[in-house]
Protein backbone atom coordinates (compact mmCIF):
# COMPACT_ATOMS: atom_id res chain seq x y z
CA UNK A 1 -10.97 -14.09 21.44
CA UNK A 2 -6.89 -14.49 21.60
CA UNK A 3 -6.92 -12.11 17.97
CA UNK A 4 -9.11 -9.41 19.51
CA UNK A 5 -7.32 -6.30 19.76
CA UNK A 6 -7.86 -3.91 22.63
CA UNK A 7 -10.60 -2.09 23.04
CA UNK A 8 -8.28 1.04 23.12
CA UNK A 9 -6.40 -0.16 19.87
CA UNK A 10 -9.81 -0.81 18.34
CA UNK A 11 -11.55 2.47 19.17
CA UNK A 12 -8.45 4.28 17.29
CA UNK A 13 -8.39 2.61 14.34
CA UNK A 14 -12.22 2.64 14.64
CA UNK A 15 -11.67 6.94 14.86
CA UNK A 16 -9.86 6.94 12.17
CA UNK A 17 -12.09 4.89 10.19
CA UNK A 18 -14.62 6.98 10.58
CA UNK A 19 -13.59 9.76 8.82
CA UNK A 20 -15.54 9.85 5.86
CA UNK A 21 -12.94 9.22 2.90
CA UNK A 22 -11.16 6.53 4.83
CA UNK A 23 -11.22 3.08 3.74
CA UNK A 24 -9.46 1.11 5.72
CA UNK A 25 -7.06 1.86 9.07
CA UNK A 26 -4.73 -0.46 11.28
CA UNK A 27 -2.31 0.21 14.12
CA UNK A 28 1.21 -1.17 14.44
CA UNK A 29 3.62 -0.89 16.57
CA UNK A 30 7.54 -1.86 16.94
CA UNK A 31 10.00 -1.26 19.60
CA UNK A 32 12.80 0.47 18.22
CA UNK A 33 15.52 -0.10 20.25
CA UNK A 34 15.06 -3.24 18.56
CA UNK A 35 15.51 -2.16 15.32
CA UNK A 36 19.26 -1.60 14.14
CA UNK A 37 20.19 0.87 11.61
CA UNK A 38 21.53 -1.38 8.88
CA UNK A 39 17.99 -2.95 9.24
CA UNK A 40 16.04 0.34 7.60
CA UNK A 41 17.56 -1.26 4.47
CA UNK A 42 15.75 -4.64 4.17
CA UNK A 43 12.35 -4.85 2.59
CA UNK A 44 9.17 -5.86 4.19
CA UNK A 45 8.01 -4.42 7.05
CA UNK A 46 11.50 -3.04 7.51
CA UNK A 47 10.85 -0.81 4.42
CA UNK A 48 8.13 1.05 5.68
CA UNK A 49 10.16 2.54 9.05
CA UNK A 50 10.43 5.86 9.34
CA UNK A 51 14.19 6.00 7.58
CA UNK A 52 15.30 9.30 7.53
CA UNK A 53 13.91 10.35 11.02
CA UNK A 54 15.35 6.86 12.62
CA UNK A 55 19.21 7.62 10.69
CA UNK A 56 18.88 11.50 12.06
CA UNK A 57 18.44 10.02 15.44
CA UNK A 58 20.44 7.38 15.09
CA UNK A 59 17.66 4.84 15.73
CA UNK A 60 14.97 4.81 18.21
CA UNK A 61 15.58 6.39 21.70
CA UNK A 62 15.32 3.97 24.97
CA UNK A 63 12.12 2.58 25.53
CA UNK A 64 10.62 4.01 22.54
CA UNK A 65 7.62 2.72 20.57
CA UNK A 66 6.61 3.44 16.67
CA UNK A 67 3.24 3.43 17.18
CA UNK A 68 2.01 3.37 13.38
CA UNK A 69 -1.68 4.00 12.33
CA UNK A 70 -2.00 2.93 8.92
CA UNK A 71 -4.93 3.96 6.06
CA UNK A 72 -5.64 4.03 2.52
CA UNK A 73 -8.32 6.76 0.88
CA UNK A 74 -10.63 6.71 -1.70
CA UNK A 75 -9.12 8.03 -4.85
CA UNK A 76 -11.13 10.50 -5.01
CA UNK A 77 -12.02 14.44 -3.38
CA UNK A 78 -13.83 12.29 -0.11
CA UNK A 79 -10.15 10.88 0.18
CA UNK A 80 -8.40 14.07 -0.24
CA UNK A 81 -10.05 15.51 2.21
CA UNK A 82 -9.75 12.93 4.41
CA UNK A 83 -6.13 12.81 4.36
CA UNK A 84 -5.70 16.77 4.47
CA UNK A 85 -7.51 16.77 7.52
CA UNK A 86 -5.88 14.26 8.99
CA UNK A 87 -2.40 15.65 7.73
CA UNK A 88 -4.10 18.69 9.73
CA UNK A 89 -4.92 16.92 12.97
CA UNK A 90 -1.21 15.35 13.12
CA UNK A 91 0.39 18.63 13.04
CA UNK A 92 -1.48 19.66 15.39
CA UNK A 93 -0.78 16.72 17.56
CA UNK A 94 2.67 17.69 16.40
CA UNK A 95 2.52 21.32 17.55
CA UNK A 96 1.23 20.40 21.02
CA UNK A 97 4.20 17.98 21.75
CA UNK A 98 3.22 14.42 20.60
CA UNK A 99 6.02 13.30 18.13
CA UNK A 100 3.62 12.32 15.77
CA UNK A 101 4.35 13.12 11.48
CA UNK A 102 2.53 11.64 8.45
CA UNK A 103 3.83 9.96 5.63
CA UNK A 104 3.10 8.71 2.24
CA UNK A 105 4.11 4.79 1.26
CA UNK A 106 4.14 3.26 -1.91
CA UNK A 107 5.59 0.13 -3.38
CA UNK A 108 8.21 0.72 -6.55
CA UNK A 109 6.26 1.32 -9.99
CA UNK A 110 6.59 -1.81 -11.36
CA UNK A 111 7.30 -5.60 -10.09
CA UNK A 112 8.79 -7.66 -13.09
CA UNK A 113 6.03 -6.65 -15.68
CA UNK A 114 2.95 -6.24 -13.54
CA UNK A 115 2.23 -2.49 -13.44
CA UNK A 116 1.92 -0.71 -9.40
CA UNK A 117 1.95 2.87 -10.01
CA UNK A 118 -1.52 3.96 -9.32
CA UNK A 119 -2.46 0.94 -7.07
CA UNK A 120 0.13 1.05 -3.94
CA UNK A 121 -0.36 4.47 -2.48
CA UNK A 122 -1.14 4.28 1.57
CA UNK A 123 -0.15 6.32 4.46
CA UNK A 124 0.46 6.71 8.03
CA UNK A 125 0.85 8.57 11.34
CA UNK A 126 3.59 7.80 13.07
CA UNK A 127 3.89 8.37 16.50
CA UNK A 128 6.92 8.13 18.83
CA UNK A 129 5.83 7.37 21.37
CA UNK A 130 8.51 6.99 24.66
CA UNK A 131 7.25 4.46 27.10
CA UNK A 132 10.04 4.47 30.24
CA UNK A 133 7.84 2.40 32.44
CA UNK A 134 6.97 -0.41 30.00
CA UNK A 135 4.27 -0.56 31.20
CA UNK A 136 1.10 -1.68 28.34
CA UNK A 137 -1.78 -0.30 30.35
CA UNK A 138 0.55 3.34 29.86
CA UNK A 139 0.38 2.95 26.31
CA UNK A 140 -3.20 1.70 25.97
CA UNK A 141 -4.37 4.61 28.25
CA UNK A 142 -2.40 6.94 25.34
CA UNK A 143 -4.25 5.67 22.58
CA UNK A 144 -7.49 6.04 24.38
CA UNK A 145 -6.90 9.72 24.86
CA UNK A 146 -5.81 10.02 21.15
CA UNK A 147 -8.67 8.34 19.76
CA UNK A 148 -10.87 10.58 21.94
CA UNK A 149 -8.85 13.57 20.39
CA UNK A 150 -9.10 12.25 16.72
CA UNK A 151 -13.49 11.80 17.76
CA UNK A 152 -13.80 15.10 18.55
CA UNK A 153 -11.67 16.96 16.00
CA UNK A 154 -13.92 14.93 13.26
CA UNK A 155 -17.03 15.71 15.11
CA UNK A 156 -16.32 19.75 15.17
CA UNK A 157 -15.51 19.78 11.78
CA UNK A 158 -17.89 17.55 10.43
CA UNK A 159 -19.48 20.23 8.41
CA UNK A 160 -15.97 20.62 6.61
CA UNK A 161 -16.57 17.27 5.14
CA UNK A 162 -19.80 18.45 3.32
């Protein structure tokens, strides 16, 4: 099956989805040296890029990938606990040396006469991953290790979700 994600990608998205309160998860990637600063004002996928971080560094670093772990939560206490857990885990990863941050994303409150407010909130973990070797195997190994870290944290702190 040509459209099937590599097992390492699937493992990471499944690790996110396994957190109580998460409704969806997906992984995206962007090769940042291909993104011009002027692209950050474009609509569509460009609108979801971490504009402030990229402007601060005047664009992506050489050989840097943006691995975006996008997810949505249940609109209740369970979802807020999931968000808080992932906020902690992302912070912990960043403190340990990974260039990660968590951001909220949403569309405008209205599109024409259609109300969108309260309907479009989603989140992403931005992982700025440098891969000088440009070897996809290295990236997949890093994804697998990150999935293992999240699985372990979820297992260790499962009682906190009760």
